[in-house]
Amino acid sequence: MEPDRPPLRPILMETHRVLIRPAPPYEPPPVASSAPPPAPDTTSAPPPPQRGRAPSATTLEARQFAIATISLVLEVIDRRRNMSQLDGRVALPLQEQLIALTRAMSGRTGAESAATVRRVHVQMCGPGAAEIFGNYRRNGRVRAFAGRIEQMPCRVRAATGSTRSALPRTVEYRWQLVELTMV
């Protein structure tokens, strides 16, 4: 059985006086004048914002390479592509790491776990090197990646003449993914 409690009394607030005042004026009164308005001071005004420069051809080439290579790497990890498709695009030490990662992810493959690239950004570090970063989606989650691409010398055969025995070799610089971190 509950103990007897005294009945609750309502709390009343009594106000003796309410004072209402008008708000003070915030704008000066209009002035009737026949003089023209003063000209704006152009010496202290900041310059209008300028759009960024158009990216160079090297930057565009690096970005296209980064998008294609990151897409390939994600497809290799998901086992939608063969590791041999990364030859020439990814440095050998990084290929070995991707092989280990692919083995570790072997039980998590499927259509619902397929990764797709969302954004790729490129920051040029020099004439033949760039840092890349961006994000990708897997299983409804957005994850990040960062890496470095560099232009590496690649020996290619020149397509001159019809004899195969003495084809001259030339050196051509091609982009290659040399570092990659995925979170």
N, C-alpha and C. Protein backbone atom coordinates (compact mmCIF):
# COMPACT_ATOMS: atom_id res chain seq x y z
N MET A 1 0.83 -1.17 0.00
CA MET A 1 0.00 0.00 0.00
C MET A 1 0.89 1.24 0.00
N GLU A 2 0.51 2.24 -0.76
CA GLU A 2 1.29 3.45 -0.88
C GLU A 2 1.02 4.37 0.31
N PRO A 3 2.08 5.08 0.76
CA PRO A 3 1.85 6.03 1.85
C PRO A 3 1.03 7.22 1.36
N ASP A 4 0.34 7.83 2.28
CA ASP A 4 -0.48 8.99 1.92
C ASP A 4 0.42 10.18 1.64
N ARG A 5 0.18 10.83 0.51
CA ARG A 5 0.95 12.01 0.13
C ARG A 5 0.02 13.22 0.20
N PRO A 6 0.64 14.35 0.49
CA PRO A 6 -0.22 15.53 0.50
C PRO A 6 -0.64 15.88 -0.92
N PRO A 7 -1.79 16.48 -1.11
CA PRO A 7 -2.23 16.82 -2.46
C PRO A 7 -1.30 17.85 -3.10
N LEU A 8 -1.15 17.76 -4.42
CA LEU A 8 -0.28 18.67 -5.16
C LEU A 8 -0.95 20.02 -5.30
N ARG A 9 -0.15 21.10 -5.12
CA ARG A 9 -0.68 22.45 -5.29
C ARG A 9 -0.14 23.01 -6.60
N PRO A 10 -0.96 23.68 -7.34
CA PRO A 10 -0.45 24.30 -8.56
C PRO A 10 0.44 25.47 -8.21
N ILE A 11 1.50 25.67 -9.04
CA ILE A 11 2.42 26.79 -8.83
C ILE A 11 1.91 27.95 -9.66
N LEU A 12 1.71 29.05 -9.02
CA LEU A 12 1.21 30.23 -9.71
C LEU A 12 2.31 31.26 -9.79
N MET A 13 2.45 31.88 -10.96
CA MET A 13 3.41 32.95 -11.12
C MET A 13 2.63 34.25 -11.21
N GLU A 14 3.02 35.17 -10.40
CA GLU A 14 2.35 36.46 -10.41
C GLU A 14 3.30 37.49 -11.00
N THR A 15 2.85 38.23 -12.00
CA THR A 15 3.64 39.33 -12.56
C THR A 15 2.94 40.62 -12.21
N HIS A 16 3.68 41.54 -11.67
CA HIS A 16 3.08 42.79 -11.25
C HIS A 16 3.00 43.78 -12.40
N ARG A 17 4.01 43.78 -13.26
CA ARG A 17 4.01 44.76 -14.32
C ARG A 17 4.79 44.21 -15.52
N VAL A 18 4.31 44.45 -16.71
CA VAL A 18 5.00 44.08 -17.94
C VAL A 18 5.26 45.38 -18.68
N LEU A 19 6.51 45.62 -19.03
CA LEU A 19 6.90 46.85 -19.71
C LEU A 19 7.27 46.51 -21.15
N ILE A 20 6.61 47.13 -22.10
CA ILE A 20 6.90 46.91 -23.51
C ILE A 20 7.45 48.20 -24.07
N ARG A 21 8.62 48.11 -24.67
CA ARG A 21 9.26 49.27 -25.28
C ARG A 21 9.45 49.00 -26.77
N PRO A 22 9.38 50.05 -27.59
CA PRO A 22 9.64 49.84 -29.02
C PRO A 22 11.13 49.60 -29.24
N ALA A 23 11.43 48.83 -30.30
CA ALA A 23 12.82 48.55 -30.63
C ALA A 23 13.50 49.82 -31.12
N PRO A 24 14.78 49.99 -30.83
CA PRO A 24 15.48 51.19 -31.30
C PRO A 24 15.65 51.13 -32.82
N PRO A 25 15.74 52.28 -33.47
CA PRO A 25 15.93 52.28 -34.93
C PRO A 25 17.33 51.76 -35.27
N TYR A 26 17.38 50.93 -36.30
CA TYR A 26 18.66 50.35 -36.70
C TYR A 26 19.23 50.99 -37.95
N GLU A 27 18.44 51.66 -38.73
CA GLU A 27 18.94 52.29 -39.93
C GLU A 27 18.80 53.80 -39.80
N PRO A 28 19.75 54.52 -40.36
CA PRO A 28 19.62 55.98 -40.30
C PRO A 28 18.46 56.44 -41.18
N PRO A 29 17.88 57.55 -40.83
CA PRO A 29 16.78 58.04 -41.65
C PRO A 29 17.29 58.43 -43.04
N PRO A 30 16.45 58.32 -44.07
CA PRO A 30 16.88 58.69 -45.42
C PRO A 30 17.18 60.17 -45.50
N VAL A 31 18.20 60.51 -46.27
CA VAL A 31 18.61 61.90 -46.44
C VAL A 31 18.29 62.30 -47.88
N ALA A 32 17.56 63.36 -48.01
CA ALA A 32 17.24 63.87 -49.34
C ALA A 32 18.42 64.69 -49.83
N SER A 33 19.03 64.28 -50.91
CA SER A 33 20.20 64.98 -51.41
C SER A 33 20.17 64.94 -52.92
N SER A 34 20.67 66.00 -53.52
CA SER A 34 20.73 66.04 -54.97
C SER A 34 22.11 65.60 -55.49
N ALA A 35 23.04 65.37 -54.58
CA ALA A 35 24.38 64.95 -54.98
C ALA A 35 24.35 63.48 -55.39
N PRO A 36 25.16 63.10 -56.39
CA PRO A 36 25.19 61.69 -56.79
C PRO A 36 25.82 60.84 -55.69
N PRO A 37 25.47 59.59 -55.62
CA PRO A 37 26.06 58.73 -54.59
C PRO A 37 27.56 58.59 -54.82
N PRO A 38 28.31 58.42 -53.76
CA PRO A 38 29.76 58.30 -53.92
C PRO A 38 30.12 57.04 -54.69
N ALA A 39 31.19 57.12 -55.47
CA ALA A 39 31.67 55.97 -56.24
C ALA A 39 32.30 54.96 -55.30
N PRO A 40 32.13 53.68 -55.56
CA PRO A 40 32.75 52.68 -54.69
C PRO A 40 34.27 52.75 -54.77
N ASP A 41 34.91 52.47 -53.66
CA ASP A 41 36.37 52.51 -53.58
C ASP A 41 36.93 51.25 -54.22
N THR A 42 37.54 51.39 -55.37
CA THR A 42 38.05 50.22 -56.10
C THR A 42 39.45 49.83 -55.67
N THR A 43 40.13 50.67 -54.91
CA THR A 43 41.50 50.33 -54.52
C THR A 43 41.53 49.26 -53.43
N SER A 44 40.52 49.21 -52.58
CA SER A 44 40.54 48.24 -51.49
C SER A 44 39.68 47.02 -51.76
N ALA A 45 38.94 47.02 -52.86
CA ALA A 45 38.07 45.88 -53.16
C ALA A 45 38.93 44.70 -53.63
N PRO A 46 38.61 43.50 -53.15
CA PRO A 46 39.38 42.34 -53.61
C PRO A 46 39.07 42.05 -55.08
N PRO A 47 40.02 41.47 -55.78
CA PRO A 47 39.78 41.16 -57.19
C PRO A 47 38.69 40.09 -57.29
N PRO A 48 37.98 40.05 -58.39
CA PRO A 48 36.93 39.03 -58.54
C PRO A 48 37.58 37.64 -58.57
N PRO A 49 36.86 36.66 -58.05
CA PRO A 49 37.45 35.30 -58.05
C PRO A 49 37.66 34.81 -59.47
N GLN A 50 38.80 34.16 -59.69
CA GLN A 50 39.12 33.64 -61.01
C GLN A 50 38.97 32.13 -61.00
N ARG A 51 38.55 31.64 -62.09
CA ARG A 51 38.45 30.19 -62.21
C ARG A 51 39.86 29.61 -62.35
N GLY A 52 40.02 28.39 -61.90
CA GLY A 52 41.32 27.75 -61.97
C GLY A 52 41.76 27.56 -63.41
N ARG A 53 43.05 27.41 -63.56
CA ARG A 53 43.59 27.18 -64.90
C ARG A 53 43.10 25.84 -65.42
N ALA A 54 43.07 25.73 -66.71
CA ALA A 54 42.74 24.45 -67.31
C ALA A 54 43.88 23.47 -67.03
N PRO A 55 43.56 22.24 -66.68
CA PRO A 55 44.63 21.28 -66.39
C PRO A 55 45.47 21.00 -67.63
N SER A 56 46.73 20.72 -67.40
CA SER A 56 47.64 20.45 -68.52
C SER A 56 47.33 19.07 -69.11
N ALA A 57 47.91 18.82 -70.26
CA ALA A 57 47.71 17.54 -70.93
C ALA A 57 48.28 16.40 -70.08
N THR A 58 49.39 16.65 -69.39
CA THR A 58 49.99 15.63 -68.54
C THR A 58 49.06 15.30 -67.38
N THR A 59 48.44 16.31 -66.80
CA THR A 59 47.52 16.07 -65.68
C THR A 59 46.31 15.27 -66.14
N LEU A 60 45.77 15.61 -67.30
CA LEU A 60 44.62 14.86 -67.82
C LEU A 60 44.99 13.41 -68.12
N GLU A 61 46.19 13.23 -68.69
CA GLU A 61 46.66 11.87 -68.98
C GLU A 61 46.85 11.08 -67.69
N ALA A 62 47.40 11.73 -66.66
CA ALA A 62 47.60 11.06 -65.37
C ALA A 62 46.26 10.69 -64.74
N ARG A 63 45.28 11.55 -64.85
CA ARG A 63 43.97 11.27 -64.26
C ARG A 63 43.28 10.12 -64.99
N GLN A 64 43.35 10.11 -66.32
CA GLN A 64 42.76 9.00 -67.07
C GLN A 64 43.42 7.68 -66.71
N PHE A 65 44.75 7.70 -66.58
CA PHE A 65 45.47 6.49 -66.19
C PHE A 65 45.04 6.06 -64.79
N ALA A 66 44.94 7.01 -63.86
CA ALA A 66 44.57 6.68 -62.48
C ALA A 66 43.19 6.05 -62.40
N ILE A 67 42.23 6.61 -63.11
CA ILE A 67 40.87 6.07 -63.08
C ILE A 67 40.86 4.65 -63.63
N ALA A 68 41.49 4.45 -64.78
CA ALA A 68 41.51 3.12 -65.40
C ALA A 68 42.23 2.11 -64.52
N THR A 69 43.35 2.50 -63.93
CA THR A 69 44.14 1.56 -63.14
C THR A 69 43.46 1.21 -61.83
N ILE A 70 42.88 2.20 -61.16
CA ILE A 70 42.19 1.91 -59.90
C ILE A 70 40.98 1.01 -60.18
N SER A 71 40.28 1.25 -61.27
CA SER A 71 39.16 0.38 -61.63
C SER A 71 39.64 -1.05 -61.87
N LEU A 72 40.76 -1.19 -62.58
CA LEU A 72 41.32 -2.53 -62.80
C LEU A 72 41.74 -3.20 -61.50
N VAL A 73 42.37 -2.44 -60.62
CA VAL A 73 42.82 -3.00 -59.34
C VAL A 73 41.62 -3.51 -58.54
N LEU A 74 40.54 -2.73 -58.49
CA LEU A 74 39.35 -3.16 -57.76
C LEU A 74 38.73 -4.40 -58.39
N GLU A 75 38.74 -4.47 -59.72
CA GLU A 75 38.20 -5.65 -60.39
C GLU A 75 39.07 -6.88 -60.15
N VAL A 76 40.38 -6.70 -60.06
CA VAL A 76 41.27 -7.82 -59.76
C VAL A 76 41.04 -8.30 -58.34
N ILE A 77 40.90 -7.38 -57.39
CA ILE A 77 40.65 -7.76 -56.00
C ILE A 77 39.32 -8.50 -55.89
N ASP A 78 38.33 -8.08 -56.66
CA ASP A 78 37.02 -8.75 -56.65
C ASP A 78 36.99 -10.03 -57.47
N ARG A 79 38.12 -10.36 -58.11
CA ARG A 79 38.26 -11.54 -58.97
C ARG A 79 37.35 -11.47 -60.19
N ARG A 80 37.10 -10.27 -60.66
CA ARG A 80 36.36 -10.10 -61.92
C ARG A 80 37.32 -10.04 -63.09
N ARG A 81 38.61 -9.80 -62.81
CA ARG A 81 39.66 -9.77 -63.84
C ARG A 81 40.86 -10.56 -63.34
N ASN A 82 41.71 -10.92 -64.31
CA ASN A 82 42.92 -11.67 -64.01
C ASN A 82 44.04 -10.70 -63.61
N MET A 83 44.92 -11.14 -62.74
CA MET A 83 46.04 -10.31 -62.27
C MET A 83 46.96 -9.91 -63.42
N SER A 84 47.03 -10.72 -64.48
CA SER A 84 47.94 -10.41 -65.58
C SER A 84 47.55 -9.13 -66.32
N GLN A 85 46.32 -8.66 -66.14
CA GLN A 85 45.91 -7.42 -66.80
C GLN A 85 46.53 -6.19 -66.16
N LEU A 86 47.17 -6.36 -65.01
CA LEU A 86 47.84 -5.24 -64.35
C LEU A 86 49.29 -5.11 -64.78
N ASP A 87 49.79 -6.05 -65.58
CA ASP A 87 51.19 -5.99 -66.02
C ASP A 87 51.46 -4.68 -66.76
N GLY A 88 52.53 -4.03 -66.37
CA GLY A 88 52.90 -2.77 -66.99
C GLY A 88 52.22 -1.56 -66.38
N ARG A 89 51.08 -1.75 -65.74
CA ARG A 89 50.36 -0.64 -65.11
C ARG A 89 50.70 -0.50 -63.63
N VAL A 90 51.08 -1.61 -63.00
CA VAL A 90 51.34 -1.63 -61.56
C VAL A 90 52.75 -2.17 -61.34
N ALA A 91 53.49 -1.55 -60.44
CA ALA A 91 54.86 -1.99 -60.13
C ALA A 91 54.83 -3.39 -59.53
N LEU A 92 55.90 -4.15 -59.73
CA LEU A 92 55.95 -5.54 -59.28
C LEU A 92 55.76 -5.71 -57.77
N PRO A 93 56.40 -4.89 -56.91
CA PRO A 93 56.15 -5.07 -55.47
C PRO A 93 54.67 -4.85 -55.11
N LEU A 94 54.04 -3.94 -55.78
CA LEU A 94 52.62 -3.68 -55.51
C LEU A 94 51.76 -4.82 -56.04
N GLN A 95 52.16 -5.44 -57.14
CA GLN A 95 51.42 -6.61 -57.64
C GLN A 95 51.45 -7.75 -56.64
N GLU A 96 52.60 -7.95 -55.99
CA GLU A 96 52.70 -9.01 -54.98
C GLU A 96 51.77 -8.72 -53.80
N GLN A 97 51.67 -7.46 -53.40
CA GLN A 97 50.75 -7.11 -52.32
C GLN A 97 49.30 -7.33 -52.74
N LEU A 98 48.98 -7.03 -53.99
CA LEU A 98 47.62 -7.23 -54.47
C LEU A 98 47.27 -8.72 -54.55
N ILE A 99 48.26 -9.55 -54.89
CA ILE A 99 48.02 -10.99 -54.90
C ILE A 99 47.65 -11.46 -53.50
N ALA A 100 48.38 -10.99 -52.49
CA ALA A 100 48.08 -11.37 -51.11
C ALA A 100 46.70 -10.85 -50.68
N LEU A 101 46.39 -9.64 -51.07
CA LEU A 101 45.09 -9.07 -50.72
C LEU A 101 43.96 -9.81 -51.41
N THR A 102 44.17 -10.22 -52.65
CA THR A 102 43.16 -10.96 -53.38
C THR A 102 42.90 -12.31 -52.71
N ARG A 103 43.94 -12.95 -52.25
CA ARG A 103 43.77 -14.22 -51.54
C ARG A 103 43.02 -14.02 -50.24
N ALA A 104 43.30 -12.93 -49.54
CA ALA A 104 42.62 -12.66 -48.27
C ALA A 104 41.15 -12.32 -48.49
N MET A 105 40.82 -11.72 -49.63
CA MET A 105 39.44 -11.33 -49.91
C MET A 105 38.69 -12.41 -50.68
N SER A 106 39.24 -13.60 -50.83
CA SER A 106 38.65 -14.61 -51.71
C SER A 106 37.25 -15.02 -51.29
N GLY A 107 36.94 -15.04 -50.01
CA GLY A 107 35.61 -15.45 -49.56
C GLY A 107 34.57 -14.36 -49.65
N ARG A 108 34.96 -13.16 -49.96
CA ARG A 108 34.03 -12.02 -49.94
C ARG A 108 33.65 -11.56 -51.34
N THR A 109 33.74 -12.41 -52.32
CA THR A 109 33.41 -11.98 -53.66
C THR A 109 31.93 -12.22 -53.92
N GLY A 110 31.41 -11.52 -54.89
CA GLY A 110 30.01 -11.63 -55.26
C GLY A 110 29.55 -10.33 -55.86
N ALA A 111 28.36 -10.37 -56.46
CA ALA A 111 27.85 -9.17 -57.11
C ALA A 111 27.58 -8.06 -56.11
N GLU A 112 27.14 -8.44 -54.90
CA GLU A 112 26.83 -7.40 -53.92
C GLU A 112 28.08 -6.76 -53.32
N SER A 113 29.23 -7.43 -53.42
CA SER A 113 30.45 -6.87 -52.85
C SER A 113 31.37 -6.26 -53.90
N ALA A 114 30.91 -6.11 -55.11
CA ALA A 114 31.74 -5.54 -56.18
C ALA A 114 32.01 -4.06 -55.88
N ALA A 115 33.26 -3.68 -56.00
CA ALA A 115 33.66 -2.30 -55.71
C ALA A 115 33.59 -1.47 -56.99
N THR A 116 33.15 -0.22 -56.83
CA THR A 116 33.09 0.71 -57.95
C THR A 116 33.75 2.02 -57.55
N VAL A 117 34.49 2.60 -58.48
CA VAL A 117 35.18 3.86 -58.24
C VAL A 117 34.17 4.99 -58.24
N ARG A 118 34.27 5.88 -57.27
CA ARG A 118 33.38 7.05 -57.21
C ARG A 118 34.09 8.32 -57.65
N ARG A 119 35.23 8.63 -57.02
CA ARG A 119 35.96 9.86 -57.34
C ARG A 119 37.45 9.58 -57.38
N VAL A 120 38.13 10.28 -58.27
CA VAL A 120 39.59 10.20 -58.35
C VAL A 120 40.11 11.61 -58.51
N HIS A 121 41.07 11.97 -57.67
CA HIS A 121 41.71 13.28 -57.75
C HIS A 121 43.20 13.07 -57.99
N VAL A 122 43.81 13.99 -58.72
CA VAL A 122 45.23 13.90 -59.04
C VAL A 122 45.90 15.19 -58.63
N GLN A 123 47.01 15.06 -57.93
CA GLN A 123 47.83 16.22 -57.57
C GLN A 123 49.23 15.97 -58.12
N MET A 124 49.62 16.77 -59.09
CA MET A 124 50.93 16.59 -59.71
C MET A 124 52.02 16.99 -58.72
N CYS A 125 53.04 16.14 -58.58
CA CYS A 125 54.18 16.40 -57.70
C CYS A 125 55.39 16.88 -58.47
N GLY A 126 55.40 16.63 -59.72
CA GLY A 126 56.52 16.99 -60.57
C GLY A 126 56.15 16.67 -62.01
N PRO A 127 57.10 16.79 -62.93
CA PRO A 127 56.76 16.53 -64.32
C PRO A 127 56.41 15.07 -64.61
N GLY A 128 56.92 14.14 -63.82
CA GLY A 128 56.65 12.73 -64.09
C GLY A 128 56.11 11.97 -62.90
N ALA A 129 55.51 12.67 -61.93
CA ALA A 129 54.98 12.00 -60.74
C ALA A 129 53.72 12.71 -60.28
N ALA A 130 52.79 11.93 -59.75
CA ALA A 130 51.54 12.49 -59.25
C ALA A 130 51.04 11.65 -58.10
N GLU A 131 50.37 12.31 -57.16
CA GLU A 131 49.70 11.60 -56.08
C GLU A 131 48.23 11.53 -56.44
N ILE A 132 47.64 10.36 -56.22
CA ILE A 132 46.23 10.18 -56.53
C ILE A 132 45.50 9.84 -55.24
N PHE A 133 44.26 10.23 -55.16
CA PHE A 133 43.43 9.89 -54.01
C PHE A 133 41.98 9.97 -54.44
N GLY A 134 41.14 9.30 -53.71
CA GLY A 134 39.73 9.29 -54.05
C GLY A 134 38.99 8.30 -53.18
N ASN A 135 37.80 7.90 -53.66
CA ASN A 135 37.04 6.94 -52.89
C ASN A 135 36.32 5.98 -53.82
N TYR A 136 35.90 4.86 -53.24
CA TYR A 136 35.17 3.84 -53.98
C TYR A 136 34.10 3.27 -53.07
N ARG A 137 33.13 2.59 -53.65
CA ARG A 137 32.00 2.04 -52.89
C ARG A 137 32.05 0.52 -52.95
N ARG A 138 31.87 -0.09 -51.78
CA ARG A 138 31.78 -1.54 -51.69
C ARG A 138 30.77 -1.89 -50.59
N ASN A 139 29.81 -2.72 -50.91
CA ASN A 139 28.77 -3.13 -49.96
C ASN A 139 28.04 -1.95 -49.35
N GLY A 140 27.79 -0.91 -50.12
CA GLY A 140 27.07 0.25 -49.62
C GLY A 140 27.90 1.19 -48.77
N ARG A 141 29.16 0.88 -48.56
CA ARG A 141 30.04 1.73 -47.76
C ARG A 141 31.02 2.44 -48.68
N VAL A 142 31.35 3.65 -48.32
CA VAL A 142 32.32 4.42 -49.08
C VAL A 142 33.67 4.28 -48.41
N ARG A 143 34.66 3.90 -49.17
CA ARG A 143 36.01 3.71 -48.65
C ARG A 143 36.98 4.58 -49.43
N ALA A 144 38.15 4.80 -48.86
CA ALA A 144 39.12 5.72 -49.47
C ALA A 144 40.35 4.96 -49.97
N PHE A 145 41.03 5.59 -50.91
CA PHE A 145 42.32 5.07 -51.37
C PHE A 145 43.23 6.26 -51.66
N ALA A 146 44.51 6.00 -51.62
CA ALA A 146 45.52 7.00 -51.98
C ALA A 146 46.70 6.25 -52.57
N GLY A 147 47.41 6.91 -53.45
CA GLY A 147 48.54 6.25 -54.08
C GLY A 147 49.43 7.24 -54.81
N ARG A 148 50.39 6.68 -55.51
CA ARG A 148 51.33 7.50 -56.27
C ARG A 148 51.54 6.84 -57.61
N ILE A 149 51.52 7.65 -58.66
CA ILE A 149 51.84 7.16 -59.99
C ILE A 149 53.04 7.93 -60.51
N GLU A 150 53.86 7.23 -61.28
CA GLU A 150 55.06 7.85 -61.84
C GLU A 150 55.21 7.41 -63.29
N GLN A 151 55.85 8.25 -64.06
CA GLN A 151 56.16 7.88 -65.43
C GLN A 151 57.48 7.11 -65.41
N MET A 152 57.42 5.86 -65.83
CA MET A 152 58.59 4.99 -65.82
C MET A 152 59.01 4.69 -67.26
N PRO A 153 60.32 4.54 -67.48
CA PRO A 153 60.77 4.21 -68.84
C PRO A 153 60.35 2.79 -69.22
N CYS A 154 59.90 2.65 -70.43
CA CYS A 154 59.45 1.36 -70.93
C CYS A 154 60.06 1.17 -72.32
N ARG A 155 60.72 0.05 -72.53
CA ARG A 155 61.34 -0.20 -73.83
C ARG A 155 60.30 -0.78 -74.77
N VAL A 156 60.15 -0.15 -75.90
CA VAL A 156 59.20 -0.61 -76.91
C VAL A 156 59.92 -0.77 -78.23
N ARG A 157 59.38 -1.63 -79.06
CA ARG A 157 59.97 -1.84 -80.38
C ARG A 157 59.44 -0.79 -81.34
N ALA A 158 60.32 -0.28 -82.14
CA ALA A 158 59.90 0.67 -83.17
C ALA A 158 59.29 -0.11 -84.32
N ALA A 159 58.29 0.44 -84.93
CA ALA A 159 57.57 -0.24 -86.01
C ALA A 159 58.10 0.18 -87.38
N THR A 160 59.42 0.19 -87.55
CA THR A 160 60.00 0.57 -88.84
C THR A 160 60.57 -0.67 -89.51
N GLY A 161 60.42 -0.76 -90.79
CA GLY A 161 60.99 -1.89 -91.54
C GLY A 161 60.17 -3.14 -91.37
N SER A 162 60.48 -4.12 -92.18
CA SER A 162 59.72 -5.38 -92.12
C SER A 162 60.54 -6.52 -91.55
N THR A 163 61.83 -6.31 -91.28
CA THR A 163 62.65 -7.39 -90.73
C THR A 163 62.46 -7.45 -89.23
N ARG A 164 62.34 -8.65 -88.72
CA ARG A 164 62.11 -8.84 -87.30
C ARG A 164 63.39 -9.00 -86.51
N SER A 165 64.46 -9.31 -87.17
CA SER A 165 65.68 -9.65 -86.44
C SER A 165 66.34 -8.44 -85.80
N ALA A 166 66.29 -7.32 -86.44
CA ALA A 166 67.03 -6.18 -85.93
C ALA A 166 66.12 -4.97 -85.70
N LEU A 167 65.01 -5.20 -85.01
CA LEU A 167 64.13 -4.07 -84.73
C LEU A 167 64.76 -3.20 -83.65
N PRO A 168 64.89 -1.93 -83.92
CA PRO A 168 65.47 -1.07 -82.89
C PRO A 168 64.48 -0.88 -81.74
N ARG A 169 65.01 -0.70 -80.56
CA ARG A 169 64.18 -0.48 -79.37
C ARG A 169 64.29 0.98 -78.98
N THR A 170 63.17 1.54 -78.63
CA THR A 170 63.15 2.92 -78.15
C THR A 170 62.59 2.93 -76.73
N VAL A 171 62.88 4.00 -76.02
CA VAL A 171 62.37 4.13 -74.66
C VAL A 171 61.22 5.12 -74.68
N GLU A 172 60.15 4.70 -74.06
CA GLU A 172 58.95 5.52 -73.97
C GLU A 172 58.55 5.59 -72.50
N TYR A 173 58.09 6.73 -72.05
CA TYR A 173 57.70 6.87 -70.65
C TYR A 173 56.20 6.64 -70.53
N ARG A 174 55.83 5.69 -69.64
CA ARG A 174 54.43 5.35 -69.40
C ARG A 174 54.14 5.44 -67.91
N TRP A 175 52.89 5.77 -67.60
CA TRP A 175 52.48 5.87 -66.20
C TRP A 175 52.44 4.49 -65.57
N GLN A 176 52.80 4.44 -64.29
CA GLN A 176 52.76 3.19 -63.55
C GLN A 176 52.39 3.49 -62.11
N LEU A 177 51.49 2.67 -61.55
CA LEU A 177 51.09 2.80 -60.15
C LEU A 177 52.19 2.18 -59.29
N VAL A 178 52.81 2.98 -58.43
CA VAL A 178 53.94 2.47 -57.65
C VAL A 178 53.60 2.34 -56.17
N GLU A 179 52.60 3.04 -55.67
CA GLU A 179 52.17 2.93 -54.28
C GLU A 179 50.66 2.99 -54.23
N LEU A 180 50.08 2.24 -53.29
CA LEU A 180 48.63 2.26 -53.14
C LEU A 180 48.27 1.89 -51.71
N THR A 181 47.38 2.65 -51.13
CA THR A 181 46.83 2.37 -49.80
C THR A 181 45.33 2.43 -49.92
N MET A 182 44.68 1.38 -49.44
CA MET A 182 43.22 1.33 -49.47
C MET A 182 42.70 1.14 -48.05
N VAL A 183 41.69 1.93 -47.73
CA VAL A 183 41.11 1.86 -46.38
C VAL A 183 39.72 1.30 -46.48
